[in-house]
Amino acid sequence: MNVENLTPKRESSLHELLSMNEDLNQAYILKDMLKQLWTYTYKASASKFLDKWIELAKETGIDELKRFAKGLNRAREGLLSYCQHRITSAKIEAFNGVIKRIVYKACGYNDLEYLYLKIRQESL
């Protein structure tokens, strides 16, 4: 939920909820901070930012945020490579889905050449 997309009434409700629940407020603030990671163009700067964010998440004492921070740390290289190249793996993942659908539809293929032709046909 992004504040900029909320109506004034919903924004008021959100602020009321955040003021009643400190953990929720901390998580919401960290979520907004993490959006800044995608604005960095230099890998070193993004790495420093990510280190600070992970440290803040661990300091909250919220188990879910700690676990999420560990996951971000494991995916660190992939996240930081986005700053350098500005591409995601979304298209590749979508194409892998197309291939899985082709194989599923045919209940498997014994002939790899034919599978290759079906993949080419689908991708054109």
PDB file of N, CA and C in Angstrom:
ATOM      1  N   MET A   1       0.852  -1.163   0.000  1.00  0.00           N
ATOM      2  CA  MET A   1       0.000   0.000   0.000  1.00  0.00           C
ATOM      3  C   MET A   1       0.903   1.233   0.000  1.00  0.00           C
ATOM      4  N   ASN A   2       0.735   2.059  -0.993  1.00  0.00           N
ATOM      5  CA  ASN A   2       1.522   3.284  -1.116  1.00  0.00           C
ATOM      6  C   ASN A   2       0.658   4.480  -0.742  1.00  0.00           C
ATOM      7  N   VAL A   3       1.182   5.331   0.105  1.00  0.00           N
ATOM      8  CA  VAL A   3       0.429   6.494   0.585  1.00  0.00           C
ATOM      9  C   VAL A   3      -0.031   7.363  -0.570  1.00  0.00           C
ATOM     10  N   GLU A   4       0.811   7.501  -1.589  1.00  0.00           N
ATOM     11  CA  GLU A   4       0.455   8.377  -2.704  1.00  0.00           C
ATOM     12  C   GLU A   4      -0.754   7.876  -3.498  1.00  0.00           C
ATOM     13  N   ASN A   5      -1.121   6.593  -3.330  1.00  0.00           N
ATOM     14  CA  ASN A   5      -2.270   6.039  -4.052  1.00  0.00           C
ATOM     15  C   ASN A   5      -3.548   6.021  -3.214  1.00  0.00           C
ATOM     16  N   LEU A   6      -3.485   6.511  -1.990  1.00  0.00           N
ATOM     17  CA  LEU A   6      -4.635   6.445  -1.091  1.00  0.00           C
ATOM     18  C   LEU A   6      -5.492   7.704  -1.169  1.00  0.00           C
ATOM     19  N   THR A   7      -6.774   7.499  -0.916  1.00  0.00           N
ATOM     20  CA  THR A   7      -7.669   8.644  -0.780  1.00  0.00           C
ATOM     21  C   THR A   7      -7.369   9.294   0.576  1.00  0.00           C
ATOM     22  N   PRO A   8      -7.744  10.546   0.759  1.00  0.00           N
ATOM     23  CA  PRO A   8      -7.475  11.207   2.045  1.00  0.00           C
ATOM     24  C   PRO A   8      -8.057  10.446   3.247  1.00  0.00           C
ATOM     25  N   LYS A   9      -9.241   9.861   3.071  1.00  0.00           N
ATOM     26  CA  LYS A   9      -9.872   9.120   4.169  1.00  0.00           C
ATOM     27  C   LYS A   9      -9.048   7.879   4.522  1.00  0.00           C
ATOM     28  N   ARG A  10      -8.618   7.147   3.505  1.00  0.00           N
ATOM     29  CA  ARG A  10      -7.814   5.939   3.739  1.00  0.00           C
ATOM     30  C   ARG A  10      -6.433   6.291   4.297  1.00  0.00           C
ATOM     31  N   GLU A  11      -5.884   7.396   3.847  1.00  0.00           N
ATOM     32  CA  GLU A  11      -4.587   7.836   4.371  1.00  0.00           C
ATOM     33  C   GLU A  11      -4.701   8.144   5.862  1.00  0.00           C
ATOM     34  N   SER A  12      -5.799   8.773   6.241  1.00  0.00           N
ATOM     35  CA  SER A  12      -6.040   9.079   7.648  1.00  0.00           C
ATOM     36  C   SER A  12      -6.163   7.786   8.459  1.00  0.00           C
ATOM     37  N   SER A  13      -6.866   6.798   7.906  1.00  0.00           N
ATOM     38  CA  SER A  13      -7.011   5.500   8.580  1.00  0.00           C
ATOM     39  C   SER A  13      -5.662   4.815   8.735  1.00  0.00           C
ATOM     40  N   LEU A  14      -4.835   4.899   7.707  1.00  0.00           N
ATOM     41  CA  LEU A  14      -3.505   4.296   7.758  1.00  0.00           C
ATOM     42  C   LEU A  14      -2.672   4.929   8.868  1.00  0.00           C
ATOM     43  N   HIS A  15      -2.671   6.245   8.943  1.00  0.00           N
ATOM     44  CA  HIS A  15      -1.892   6.935   9.975  1.00  0.00           C
ATOM     45  C   HIS A  15      -2.390   6.571  11.379  1.00  0.00           C
ATOM     46  N   GLU A  16      -3.700   6.389  11.502  1.00  0.00           N
ATOM     47  CA  GLU A  16      -4.270   5.994  12.791  1.00  0.00           C
ATOM     48  C   GLU A  16      -3.789   4.589  13.185  1.00  0.00           C
ATOM     49  N   LEU A  17      -3.802   3.660  12.218  1.00  0.00           N
ATOM     50  CA  LEU A  17      -3.319   2.297  12.473  1.00  0.00           C
ATOM     51  C   LEU A  17      -1.839   2.286  12.837  1.00  0.00           C
ATOM     52  N   LEU A  18      -1.056   3.053  12.094  1.00  0.00           N
ATOM     53  CA  LEU A  18       0.382   3.088  12.346  1.00  0.00           C
ATOM     54  C   LEU A  18       0.704   3.653  13.722  1.00  0.00           C
ATOM     55  N   SER A  19      -0.091   4.618  14.163  1.00  0.00           N
ATOM     56  CA  SER A  19       0.168   5.205  15.480  1.00  0.00           C
ATOM     57  C   SER A  19      -0.193   4.234  16.604  1.00  0.00           C
ATOM     58  N   MET A  20      -1.106   3.294  16.348  1.00  0.00           N
ATOM     59  CA  MET A  20      -1.507   2.328  17.376  1.00  0.00           C
ATOM     60  C   MET A  20      -0.568   1.121  17.449  1.00  0.00           C
ATOM     61  N   ASN A  21       0.155   0.832  16.376  1.00  0.00           N
ATOM     62  CA  ASN A  21       0.972  -0.373  16.331  1.00  0.00           C
ATOM     63  C   ASN A  21       2.402  -0.015  15.932  1.00  0.00           C
ATOM     64  N   GLU A  22       3.316  -0.050  16.898  1.00  0.00           N
ATOM     65  CA  GLU A  22       4.697   0.373  16.646  1.00  0.00           C
ATOM     66  C   GLU A  22       5.408  -0.542  15.648  1.00  0.00           C
ATOM     67  N   ASP A  23       5.198  -1.867  15.764  1.00  0.00           N
ATOM     68  CA  ASP A  23       5.845  -2.802  14.837  1.00  0.00           C
ATOM     69  C   ASP A  23       5.395  -2.547  13.400  1.00  0.00           C
ATOM     70  N   LEU A  24       4.095  -2.335  13.233  1.00  0.00           N
ATOM     71  CA  LEU A  24       3.562  -2.053  11.901  1.00  0.00           C
ATOM     72  C   LEU A  24       4.142  -0.755  11.360  1.00  0.00           C
ATOM     73  N   ASN A  25       4.272   0.227  12.215  1.00  0.00           N
ATOM     74  CA  ASN A  25       4.836   1.517  11.814  1.00  0.00           C
ATOM     75  C   ASN A  25       6.284   1.357  11.357  1.00  0.00           C
ATOM     76  N   GLN A  26       7.078   0.597  12.121  1.00  0.00           N
ATOM     77  CA  GLN A  26       8.475   0.378  11.743  1.00  0.00           C
ATOM     78  C   GLN A  26       8.570  -0.355  10.403  1.00  0.00           C
ATOM     79  N   ALA A  27       7.740  -1.377  10.233  1.00  0.00           N
ATOM     80  CA  ALA A  27       7.760  -2.139   8.981  1.00  0.00           C
ATOM     81  C   ALA A  27       7.373  -1.249   7.805  1.00  0.00           C
ATOM     82  N   TYR A  28       6.399  -0.391   8.011  1.00  0.00           N
ATOM     83  CA  TYR A  28       5.942   0.501   6.944  1.00  0.00           C
ATOM     84  C   TYR A  28       7.038   1.496   6.555  1.00  0.00           C
ATOM     85  N   ILE A  29       7.721   2.023   7.547  1.00  0.00           N
ATOM     86  CA  ILE A  29       8.811   2.972   7.282  1.00  0.00           C
ATOM     87  C   ILE A  29       9.937   2.279   6.522  1.00  0.00           C
ATOM     88  N   LEU A  30      10.296   1.068   6.953  1.00  0.00           N
ATOM     89  CA  LEU A  30      11.362   0.324   6.273  1.00  0.00           C
ATOM     90  C   LEU A  30      10.963  -0.040   4.843  1.00  0.00           C
ATOM     91  N   LYS A  31       9.683  -0.351   4.638  1.00  0.00           N
ATOM     92  CA  LYS A  31       9.208  -0.653   3.280  1.00  0.00           C
ATOM     93  C   LYS A  31       9.418   0.549   2.370  1.00  0.00           C
ATOM     94  N   ASP A  32       9.054   1.719   2.860  1.00  0.00           N
ATOM     95  CA  ASP A  32       9.237   2.929   2.057  1.00  0.00           C
ATOM     96  C   ASP A  32      10.713   3.230   1.813  1.00  0.00           C
ATOM     97  N   MET A  33      11.541   2.959   2.816  1.00  0.00           N
ATOM     98  CA  MET A  33      12.982   3.182   2.649  1.00  0.00           C
ATOM     99  C   MET A  33      13.564   2.262   1.584  1.00  0.00           C
ATOM    100  N   LEU A  34      13.122   1.004   1.585  1.00  0.00           N
ATOM    101  CA  LEU A  34      13.689   0.016   0.667  1.00  0.00           C
ATOM    102  C   LEU A  34      13.428   0.381  -0.796  1.00  0.00           C
ATOM    103  N   LYS A  35      12.370   1.127  -1.050  1.00  0.00           N
ATOM    104  CA  LYS A  35      12.083   1.572  -2.424  1.00  0.00           C
ATOM    105  C   LYS A  35      13.241   2.381  -3.010  1.00  0.00           C
ATOM    106  N   GLN A  36      13.995   3.034  -2.145  1.00  0.00           N
ATOM    107  CA  GLN A  36      15.118   3.860  -2.608  1.00  0.00           C
ATOM    108  C   GLN A  36      16.218   3.031  -3.247  1.00  0.00           C
ATOM    109  N   LEU A  37      16.299   1.747  -2.898  1.00  0.00           N
ATOM    110  CA  LEU A  37      17.346   0.887  -3.448  1.00  0.00           C
ATOM    111  C   LEU A  37      17.317   0.895  -4.972  1.00  0.00           C
ATOM    112  N   TRP A  38      16.128   0.962  -5.559  1.00  0.00           N
ATOM    113  CA  TRP A  38      15.991   0.878  -7.018  1.00  0.00           C
ATOM    114  C   TRP A  38      16.382   2.169  -7.715  1.00  0.00           C
ATOM    115  N   THR A  39      16.667   3.219  -6.954  1.00  0.00           N
ATOM    116  CA  THR A  39      17.054   4.489  -7.573  1.00  0.00           C
ATOM    117  C   THR A  39      18.561   4.621  -7.747  1.00  0.00           C
ATOM    118  N   TYR A  40      19.330   3.761  -7.097  1.00  0.00           N
ATOM    119  CA  TYR A  40      20.791   3.850  -7.176  1.00  0.00           C
ATOM    120  C   TYR A  40      21.291   3.377  -8.534  1.00  0.00           C
ATOM    121  N   THR A  41      22.319   4.060  -9.047  1.00  0.00           N
ATOM    122  CA  THR A  41      22.928   3.649 -10.312  1.00  0.00           C
ATOM    123  C   THR A  41      24.327   3.079 -10.106  1.00  0.00           C
ATOM    124  N   TYR A  42      24.896   3.297  -8.931  1.00  0.00           N
ATOM    125  CA  TYR A  42      26.226   2.763  -8.623  1.00  0.00           C
ATOM    126  C   TYR A  42      26.094   1.622  -7.620  1.00  0.00           C
ATOM    127  N   LYS A  43      26.735   0.521  -7.964  1.00  0.00           N
ATOM    128  CA  LYS A  43      26.644  -0.688  -7.148  1.00  0.00           C
ATOM    129  C   LYS A  43      27.167  -0.461  -5.726  1.00  0.00           C
ATOM    130  N   ALA A  44      28.268   0.265  -5.579  1.00  0.00           N
ATOM    131  CA  ALA A  44      28.860   0.502  -4.256  1.00  0.00           C
ATOM    132  C   ALA A  44      27.910   1.298  -3.357  1.00  0.00           C
ATOM    133  N   SER A  45      27.276   2.311  -3.915  1.00  0.00           N
ATOM    134  CA  SER A  45      26.330   3.119  -3.134  1.00  0.00           C
ATOM    135  C   SER A  45      25.123   2.284  -2.726  1.00  0.00           C
ATOM    136  N   ALA A  46      24.631   1.486  -3.660  1.00  0.00           N
ATOM    137  CA  ALA A  46      23.487   0.628  -3.363  1.00  0.00           C
ATOM    138  C   ALA A  46      23.847  -0.395  -2.293  1.00  0.00           C
ATOM    139  N   SER A  47      25.068  -0.900  -2.340  1.00  0.00           N
ATOM    140  CA  SER A  47      25.524  -1.878  -1.351  1.00  0.00           C
ATOM    141  C   SER A  47      25.563  -1.265   0.048  1.00  0.00           C
ATOM    142  N   LYS A  48      26.056  -0.041   0.150  1.00  0.00           N
ATOM    143  CA  LYS A  48      26.081   0.651   1.448  1.00  0.00           C
ATOM    144  C   LYS A  48      24.664   0.868   1.966  1.00  0.00           C
ATOM    145  N   PHE A  49      23.773   1.288   1.064  1.00  0.00           N
ATOM    146  CA  PHE A  49      22.383   1.507   1.457  1.00  0.00           C
ATOM    147  C   PHE A  49      21.757   0.202   1.943  1.00  0.00           C
ATOM    148  N   LEU A  50      21.996  -0.882   1.200  1.00  0.00           N
ATOM    149  CA  LEU A  50      21.429  -2.178   1.567  1.00  0.00           C
ATOM    150  C   LEU A  50      21.963  -2.642   2.922  1.00  0.00           C
ATOM    151  N   ASP A  51      23.253  -2.439   3.164  1.00  0.00           N
ATOM    152  CA  ASP A  51      23.836  -2.787   4.470  1.00  0.00           C
ATOM    153  C   ASP A  51      23.137  -2.033   5.599  1.00  0.00           C
ATOM    154  N   LYS A  52      22.924  -0.734   5.404  1.00  0.00           N
ATOM    155  CA  LYS A  52      22.257   0.082   6.427  1.00  0.00           C
ATOM    156  C   LYS A  52      20.820  -0.385   6.638  1.00  0.00           C
ATOM    157  N   TRP A  53      20.123  -0.692   5.536  1.00  0.00           N
ATOM    158  CA  TRP A  53      18.730  -1.122   5.635  1.00  0.00           C
ATOM    159  C   TRP A  53      18.642  -2.447   6.388  1.00  0.00           C
ATOM    160  N   ILE A  54      19.521  -3.378   6.054  1.00  0.00           N
ATOM    161  CA  ILE A  54      19.516  -4.682   6.729  1.00  0.00           C
ATOM    162  C   ILE A  54      19.796  -4.510   8.220  1.00  0.00           C
ATOM    163  N   GLU A  55      20.725  -3.648   8.549  1.00  0.00           N
ATOM    164  CA  GLU A  55      21.041  -3.379   9.956  1.00  0.00           C
ATOM    165  C   GLU A  55      19.828  -2.793  10.679  1.00  0.00           C
ATOM    166  N   LEU A  56      19.147  -1.839  10.050  1.00  0.00           N
ATOM    167  CA  LEU A  56      17.941  -1.254  10.654  1.00  0.00           C
ATOM    168  C   LEU A  56      16.862  -2.314  10.862  1.00  0.00           C
ATOM    169  N   ALA A  57      16.689  -3.185   9.876  1.00  0.00           N
ATOM    170  CA  ALA A  57      15.672  -4.233   9.975  1.00  0.00           C
ATOM    171  C   ALA A  57      15.983  -5.180  11.131  1.00  0.00           C
ATOM    172  N   LYS A  58      17.254  -5.508  11.304  1.00  0.00           N
ATOM    173  CA  LYS A  58      17.643  -6.397  12.408  1.00  0.00           C
ATOM    174  C   LYS A  58      17.438  -5.724  13.760  1.00  0.00           C
ATOM    175  N   GLU A  59      17.672  -4.425  13.818  1.00  0.00           N
ATOM    176  CA  GLU A  59      17.540  -3.684  15.079  1.00  0.00           C
ATOM    177  C   GLU A  59      16.094  -3.537  15.536  1.00  0.00           C
ATOM    178  N   THR A  60      15.134  -3.708  14.639  1.00  0.00           N
ATOM    179  CA  THR A  60      13.730  -3.564  15.031  1.00  0.00           C
ATOM    180  C   THR A  60      13.303  -4.639  16.014  1.00  0.00           C
ATOM    181  N   GLY A  61      13.942  -5.806  15.926  1.00  0.00           N
ATOM    182  CA  GLY A  61      13.544  -6.909  16.792  1.00  0.00           C
ATOM    183  C   GLY A  61      12.333  -7.668  16.275  1.00  0.00           C
ATOM    184  N   ILE A  62      11.848  -7.309  15.106  1.00  0.00           N
ATOM    185  CA  ILE A  62      10.693  -7.986  14.511  1.00  0.00           C
ATOM    186  C   ILE A  62      11.212  -9.190  13.723  1.00  0.00           C
ATOM    187  N   ASP A  63      10.796 -10.390  14.143  1.00  0.00           N
ATOM    188  CA  ASP A  63      11.321 -11.616  13.536  1.00  0.00           C
ATOM    189  C   ASP A  63      11.110 -11.672  12.025  1.00  0.00           C
ATOM    190  N   GLU A  64       9.943 -11.252  11.566  1.00  0.00           N
ATOM    191  CA  GLU A  64       9.644 -11.299  10.134  1.00  0.00           C
ATOM    192  C   GLU A  64      10.583 -10.394   9.342  1.00  0.00           C
ATOM    193  N   LEU A  65      10.862  -9.225   9.882  1.00  0.00           N
ATOM    194  CA  LEU A  65      11.782  -8.304   9.205  1.00  0.00           C
ATOM    195  C   LEU A  65      13.209  -8.840   9.219  1.00  0.00           C
ATOM    196  N   LYS A  66      13.592  -9.482  10.314  1.00  0.00           N
ATOM    197  CA  LYS A  66      14.927 -10.083  10.379  1.00  0.00           C
ATOM    198  C   LYS A  66      15.076 -11.166   9.310  1.00  0.00           C
ATOM    199  N   ARG A  67      14.035 -11.995   9.190  1.00  0.00           N
ATOM    200  CA  ARG A  67      14.057 -13.060   8.179  1.00  0.00           C
ATOM    201  C   ARG A  67      14.106 -12.474   6.770  1.00  0.00           C
ATOM    202  N   PHE A  68      13.329 -11.430   6.540  1.00  0.00           N
ATOM    203  CA  PHE A  68      13.321 -10.772   5.231  1.00  0.00           C
ATOM    204  C   PHE A  68      14.691 -10.175   4.926  1.00  0.00           C
ATOM    205  N   ALA A  69      15.316  -9.579   5.933  1.00  0.00           N
ATOM    206  CA  ALA A  69      16.649  -8.987   5.760  1.00  0.00           C
ATOM    207  C   ALA A  69      17.671 -10.057   5.396  1.00  0.00           C
ATOM    208  N   LYS A  70      17.572 -11.233   6.026  1.00  0.00           N
ATOM    209  CA  LYS A  70      18.472 -12.339   5.679  1.00  0.00           C
ATOM    210  C   LYS A  70      18.273 -12.754   4.226  1.00  0.00           C
ATOM    211  N   GLY A  71      17.010 -12.785   3.792  1.00  0.00           N
ATOM    212  CA  GLY A  71      16.711 -13.131   2.402  1.00  0.00           C
ATOM    213  C   GLY A  71      17.288 -12.114   1.430  1.00  0.00           C
ATOM    214  N   LEU A  72      17.184 -10.843   1.785  1.00  0.00           N
ATOM    215  CA  LEU A  72      17.771  -9.797   0.943  1.00  0.00           C
ATOM    216  C   LEU A  72      19.283  -9.949   0.870  1.00  0.00           C
ATOM    217  N   ASN A  73      19.872 -10.307   1.992  1.00  0.00           N
ATOM    218  CA  ASN A  73      21.323 -10.478   2.017  1.00  0.00           C
ATOM    219  C   ASN A  73      21.742 -11.655   1.131  1.00  0.00           C
ATOM    220  N   ARG A  74      20.945 -12.731   1.138  1.00  0.00           N
ATOM    221  CA  ARG A  74      21.247 -13.875   0.272  1.00  0.00           C
ATOM    222  C   ARG A  74      21.112 -13.501  -1.200  1.00  0.00           C
ATOM    223  N   ALA A  75      20.158 -12.630  -1.519  1.00  0.00           N
ATOM    224  CA  ALA A  75      19.914 -12.228  -2.907  1.00  0.00           C
ATOM    225  C   ALA A  75      20.697 -10.978  -3.283  1.00  0.00           C
ATOM    226  N   ARG A  76      21.622 -10.584  -2.447  1.00  0.00           N
ATOM    227  CA  ARG A  76      22.370  -9.335  -2.581  1.00  0.00           C
ATOM    228  C   ARG A  76      22.944  -9.109  -3.978  1.00  0.00           C
ATOM    229  N   GLU A  77      23.661 -10.074  -4.522  1.00  0.00           N
ATOM    230  CA  GLU A  77      24.319  -9.887  -5.821  1.00  0.00           C
ATOM    231  C   GLU A  77      23.308  -9.602  -6.928  1.00  0.00           C
ATOM    232  N   GLY A  78      22.215 -10.337  -6.921  1.00  0.00           N
ATOM    233  CA  GLY A  78      21.180 -10.099  -7.925  1.00  0.00           C
ATOM    234  C   GLY A  78      20.549  -8.724  -7.786  1.00  0.00           C
ATOM    235  N   LEU A  79      20.291  -8.322  -6.543  1.00  0.00           N
ATOM    236  CA  LEU A  79      19.705  -7.003  -6.298  1.00  0.00           C
ATOM    237  C   LEU A  79      20.644  -5.888  -6.742  1.00  0.00           C
ATOM    238  N   LEU A  80      21.915  -6.042  -6.402  1.00  0.00           N
ATOM    239  CA  LEU A  80      22.881  -4.995  -6.736  1.00  0.00           C
ATOM    240  C   LEU A  80      23.202  -4.968  -8.226  1.00  0.00           C
ATOM    241  N   SER A  81      23.092  -6.105  -8.894  1.00  0.00           N
ATOM    242  CA  SER A  81      23.371  -6.111 -10.334  1.00  0.00           C
ATOM    243  C   SER A  81      22.311  -5.316 -11.099  1.00  0.00           C
ATOM    244  N   TYR A  82      21.109  -5.197 -10.513  1.00  0.00           N
ATOM    245  CA  TYR A  82      20.075  -4.385 -11.152  1.00  0.00           C
ATOM    246  C   TYR A  82      20.543  -2.934 -11.272  1.00  0.00           C
ATOM    247  N   CYS A  83      21.250  -2.441 -10.280  1.00  0.00           N
ATOM    248  CA  CYS A  83      21.744  -1.057 -10.310  1.00  0.00           C
ATOM    249  C   CYS A  83      22.680  -0.836 -11.493  1.00  0.00           C
ATOM    250  N   GLN A  84      23.460  -1.846 -11.798  1.00  0.00           N
ATOM    251  CA  GLN A  84      24.428  -1.739 -12.884  1.00  0.00           C
ATOM    252  C   GLN A  84      23.774  -1.886 -14.257  1.00  0.00           C
ATOM    253  N   HIS A  85      22.911  -2.884 -14.401  1.00  0.00           N
ATOM    254  CA  HIS A  85      22.412  -3.245 -15.726  1.00  0.00           C
ATOM    255  C   HIS A  85      20.983  -2.795 -16.015  1.00  0.00           C
ATOM    256  N   ARG A  86      20.207  -2.522 -14.982  1.00  0.00           N
ATOM    257  CA  ARG A  86      18.818  -2.073 -15.121  1.00  0.00           C
ATOM    258  C   ARG A  86      17.945  -3.053 -15.899  1.00  0.00           C
ATOM    259  N   ILE A  87      18.208  -4.337 -15.734  1.00  0.00           N
ATOM    260  CA  ILE A  87      17.332  -5.348 -16.328  1.00  0.00           C
ATOM    261  C   ILE A  87      16.954  -6.352 -15.242  1.00  0.00           C
ATOM    262  N   THR A  88      15.794  -6.952 -15.409  1.00  0.00           N
ATOM    263  CA  THR A  88      15.352  -7.976 -14.470  1.00  0.00           C
ATOM    264  C   THR A  88      15.260  -9.307 -15.208  1.00  0.00           C
ATOM    265  N   SER A  89      15.003 -10.349 -14.465  1.00  0.00           N
ATOM    266  CA  SER A  89      14.877 -11.677 -15.069  1.00  0.00           C
ATOM    267  C   SER A  89      13.425 -11.982 -15.438  1.00  0.00           C
ATOM    268  N   ALA A  90      12.558 -10.995 -15.422  1.00  0.00           N
ATOM    269  CA  ALA A  90      11.131 -11.214 -15.657  1.00  0.00           C
ATOM    270  C   ALA A  90      10.850 -11.850 -17.017  1.00  0.00           C
ATOM    271  N   LYS A  91      11.498 -11.369 -18.074  1.00  0.00           N
ATOM    272  CA  LYS A  91      11.238 -11.922 -19.406  1.00  0.00           C
ATOM    273  C   LYS A  91      11.703 -13.371 -19.505  1.00  0.00           C
ATOM    274  N   ILE A  92      12.846 -13.662 -18.901  1.00  0.00           N
ATOM    275  CA  ILE A  92      13.361 -15.032 -18.927  1.00  0.00           C
ATOM    276  C   ILE A  92      12.422 -15.951 -18.156  1.00  0.00           C
ATOM    277  N   GLU A  93      11.971 -15.503 -16.996  1.00  0.00           N
ATOM    278  CA  GLU A  93      11.054 -16.309 -16.195  1.00  0.00           C
ATOM    279  C   GLU A  93       9.740 -16.537 -16.935  1.00  0.00           C
ATOM    280  N   ALA A  94       9.254 -15.523 -17.619  1.00  0.00           N
ATOM    281  CA  ALA A  94       8.020 -15.670 -18.394  1.00  0.00           C
ATOM    282  C   ALA A  94       8.210 -16.684 -19.517  1.00  0.00           C
ATOM    283  N   PHE A  95       9.358 -16.645 -20.181  1.00  0.00           N
ATOM    284  CA  PHE A  95       9.628 -17.593 -21.264  1.00  0.00           C
ATOM    285  C   PHE A  95       9.772 -19.015 -20.714  1.00  0.00           C
ATOM    286  N   ASN A  96      10.372 -19.159 -19.531  1.00  0.00           N
ATOM    287  CA  ASN A  96      10.434 -20.477 -18.894  1.00  0.00           C
ATOM    288  C   ASN A  96       9.029 -21.015 -18.636  1.00  0.00           C
ATOM    289  N   GLY A  97       8.116 -20.136 -18.276  1.00  0.00           N
ATOM    290  CA  GLY A  97       6.724 -20.531 -18.085  1.00  0.00           C
ATOM    291  C   GLY A  97       6.097 -21.018 -19.376  1.00  0.00           C
ATOM    292  N   VAL A  98       6.435 -20.356 -20.483  1.00  0.00           N
ATOM    293  CA  VAL A  98       5.931 -20.779 -21.800  1.00  0.00           C
ATOM    294  C   VAL A  98       6.426 -22.190 -22.109  1.00  0.00           C
ATOM    295  N   ILE A  99       7.703 -22.448 -21.859  1.00  0.00           N
ATOM    296  CA  ILE A  99       8.275 -23.772 -22.131  1.00  0.00           C
ATOM    297  C   ILE A  99       7.599 -24.833 -21.261  1.00  0.00           C
ATOM    298  N   LYS A 100       7.399 -24.538 -19.986  1.00  0.00           N
ATOM    299  CA  LYS A 100       6.731 -25.491 -19.098  1.00  0.00           C
ATOM    300  C   LYS A 100       5.324 -25.801 -19.589  1.00  0.00           C
ATOM    301  N   ARG A 101       4.620 -24.775 -20.066  1.00  0.00           N
ATOM    302  CA  ARG A 101       3.265 -24.966 -20.565  1.00  0.00           C
ATOM    303  C   ARG A 101       3.259 -25.851 -21.809  1.00  0.00           C
ATOM    304  N   ILE A 102       4.242 -25.653 -22.702  1.00  0.00           N
ATOM    305  CA  ILE A 102       4.340 -26.470 -23.917  1.00  0.00           C
ATOM    306  C   ILE A 102       4.572 -27.932 -23.547  1.00  0.00           C
ATOM    307  N   VAL A 103       5.506 -28.179 -22.642  1.00  0.00           N
ATOM    308  CA  VAL A 103       5.826 -29.554 -22.236  1.00  0.00           C
ATOM    309  C   VAL A 103       4.634 -30.186 -21.518  1.00  0.00           C
ATOM    310  N   TYR A 104       3.970 -29.420 -20.658  1.00  0.00           N
ATOM    311  CA  TYR A 104       2.811 -29.939 -19.931  1.00  0.00           C
ATOM    312  C   TYR A 104       1.682 -30.301 -20.889  1.00  0.00           C
ATOM    313  N   LYS A 105       1.435 -29.429 -21.842  1.00  0.00           N
ATOM    314  CA  LYS A 105       0.361 -29.628 -22.814  1.00  0.00           C
ATOM    315  C   LYS A 105       0.560 -30.923 -23.602  1.00  0.00           C
ATOM    316  N   ALA A 106       1.813 -31.235 -23.911  1.00  0.00           N
ATOM    317  CA  ALA A 106       2.112 -32.409 -24.729  1.00  0.00           C
ATOM    318  C   ALA A 106       2.397 -33.645 -23.875  1.00  0.00           C
ATOM    319  N   CYS A 107       2.312 -33.516 -22.549  1.00  0.00           N
ATOM    320  CA  CYS A 107       2.665 -34.618 -21.638  1.00  0.00           C
ATOM    321  C   CYS A 107       4.095 -35.077 -21.872  1.00  0.00           C
ATOM    322  N   GLY A 108       4.968 -34.159 -22.159  1.00  0.00           N
ATOM    323  CA  GLY A 108       6.386 -34.466 -22.368  1.00  0.00           C
ATOM    324  C   GLY A 108       6.705 -34.686 -23.835  1.00  0.00           C
ATOM    325  N   TYR A 109       7.965 -34.561 -24.178  1.00  0.00           N
ATOM    326  CA  TYR A 109       8.435 -34.793 -25.546  1.00  0.00           C
ATOM    327  C   TYR A 109       9.615 -35.753 -25.505  1.00  0.00           C
ATOM    328  N   ASN A 110       9.601 -36.728 -26.403  1.00  0.00           N
ATOM    329  CA  ASN A 110      10.734 -37.653 -26.516  1.00  0.00           C
ATOM    330  C   ASN A 110      11.780 -37.118 -27.482  1.00  0.00           C
ATOM    331  N   ASP A 111      11.338 -36.300 -28.410  1.00  0.00           N
ATOM    332  CA  ASP A 111      12.228 -35.772 -29.442  1.00  0.00           C
ATOM    333  C   ASP A 111      12.575 -34.315 -29.110  1.00  0.00           C
ATOM    334  N   LEU A 112      13.808 -34.069 -28.727  1.00  0.00           N
ATOM    335  CA  LEU A 112      14.223 -32.717 -28.342  1.00  0.00           C
ATOM    336  C   LEU A 112      14.182 -31.750 -29.515  1.00  0.00           C
ATOM    337  N   GLU A 113      14.437 -32.250 -30.700  1.00  0.00           N
ATOM    338  CA  GLU A 113      14.381 -31.406 -31.903  1.00  0.00           C
ATOM    339  C   GLU A 113      12.962 -30.861 -32.093  1.00  0.00           C
ATOM    340  N   TYR A 114      11.965 -31.737 -31.890  1.00  0.00           N
ATOM    341  CA  TYR A 114      10.574 -31.320 -32.035  1.00  0.00           C
ATOM    342  C   TYR A 114      10.206 -30.310 -30.942  1.00  0.00           C
ATOM    343  N   LEU A 115      10.678 -30.549 -29.712  1.00  0.00           N
ATOM    344  CA  LEU A 115      10.441 -29.598 -28.622  1.00  0.00           C
ATOM    345  C   LEU A 115      11.039 -28.241 -28.969  1.00  0.00           C
ATOM    346  N   TYR A 116      12.236 -28.247 -29.507  1.00  0.00           N
ATOM    347  CA  TYR A 116      12.889 -27.001 -29.915  1.00  0.00           C
ATOM    348  C   TYR A 116      12.036 -26.270 -30.951  1.00  0.00           C
ATOM    349  N   LEU A 117      11.503 -27.001 -31.923  1.00  0.00           N
ATOM    350  CA  LEU A 117      10.653 -26.385 -32.957  1.00  0.00           C
ATOM    351  C   LEU A 117       9.375 -25.805 -32.344  1.00  0.00           C
ATOM    352  N   LYS A 118       8.778 -26.513 -31.388  1.00  0.00           N
ATOM    353  CA  LYS A 118       7.558 -26.011 -30.735  1.00  0.00           C
ATOM    354  C   LYS A 118       7.857 -24.730 -29.934  1.00  0.00           C
ATOM    355  N   ILE A 119       9.020 -24.705 -29.290  1.00  0.00           N
ATOM    356  CA  ILE A 119       9.410 -23.507 -28.530  1.00  0.00           C
ATOM    357  C   ILE A 119       9.620 -22.338 -29.478  1.00  0.00           C
ATOM    358  N   ARG A 120      10.281 -22.586 -30.595  1.00  0.00           N
ATOM    359  CA  ARG A 120      10.487 -21.520 -31.596  1.00  0.00           C
ATOM    360  C   ARG A 120       9.159 -21.023 -32.134  1.00  0.00           C
ATOM    361  N   GLN A 121       8.253 -21.958 -32.417  1.00  0.00           N
ATOM    362  CA  GLN A 121       6.937 -21.589 -32.933  1.00  0.00           C
ATOM    363  C   GLN A 121       6.208 -20.686 -31.931  1.00  0.00           C
ATOM    364  N   GLU A 122       6.277 -21.031 -30.662  1.00  0.00           N
ATOM    365  CA  GLU A 122       5.583 -20.264 -29.627  1.00  0.00           C
ATOM    366  C   GLU A 122       6.211 -18.888 -29.416  1.00  0.00           C
ATOM    367  N   SER A 123       7.518 -18.791 -29.637  1.00  0.00           N
ATOM    368  CA  SER A 123       8.207 -17.531 -29.349  1.00  0.00           C
ATOM    369  C   SER A 123       8.152 -16.528 -30.493  1.00  0.00           C
ATOM    370  N   LEU A 124       7.720 -16.951 -31.656  1.00  0.00           N
ATOM    371  CA  LEU A 124       7.660 -16.025 -32.797  1.00  0.00           C
ATOM    372  C   LEU A 124       6.418 -15.199 -32.812  1.00  0.00           C
TER     373      LEU A 124
END
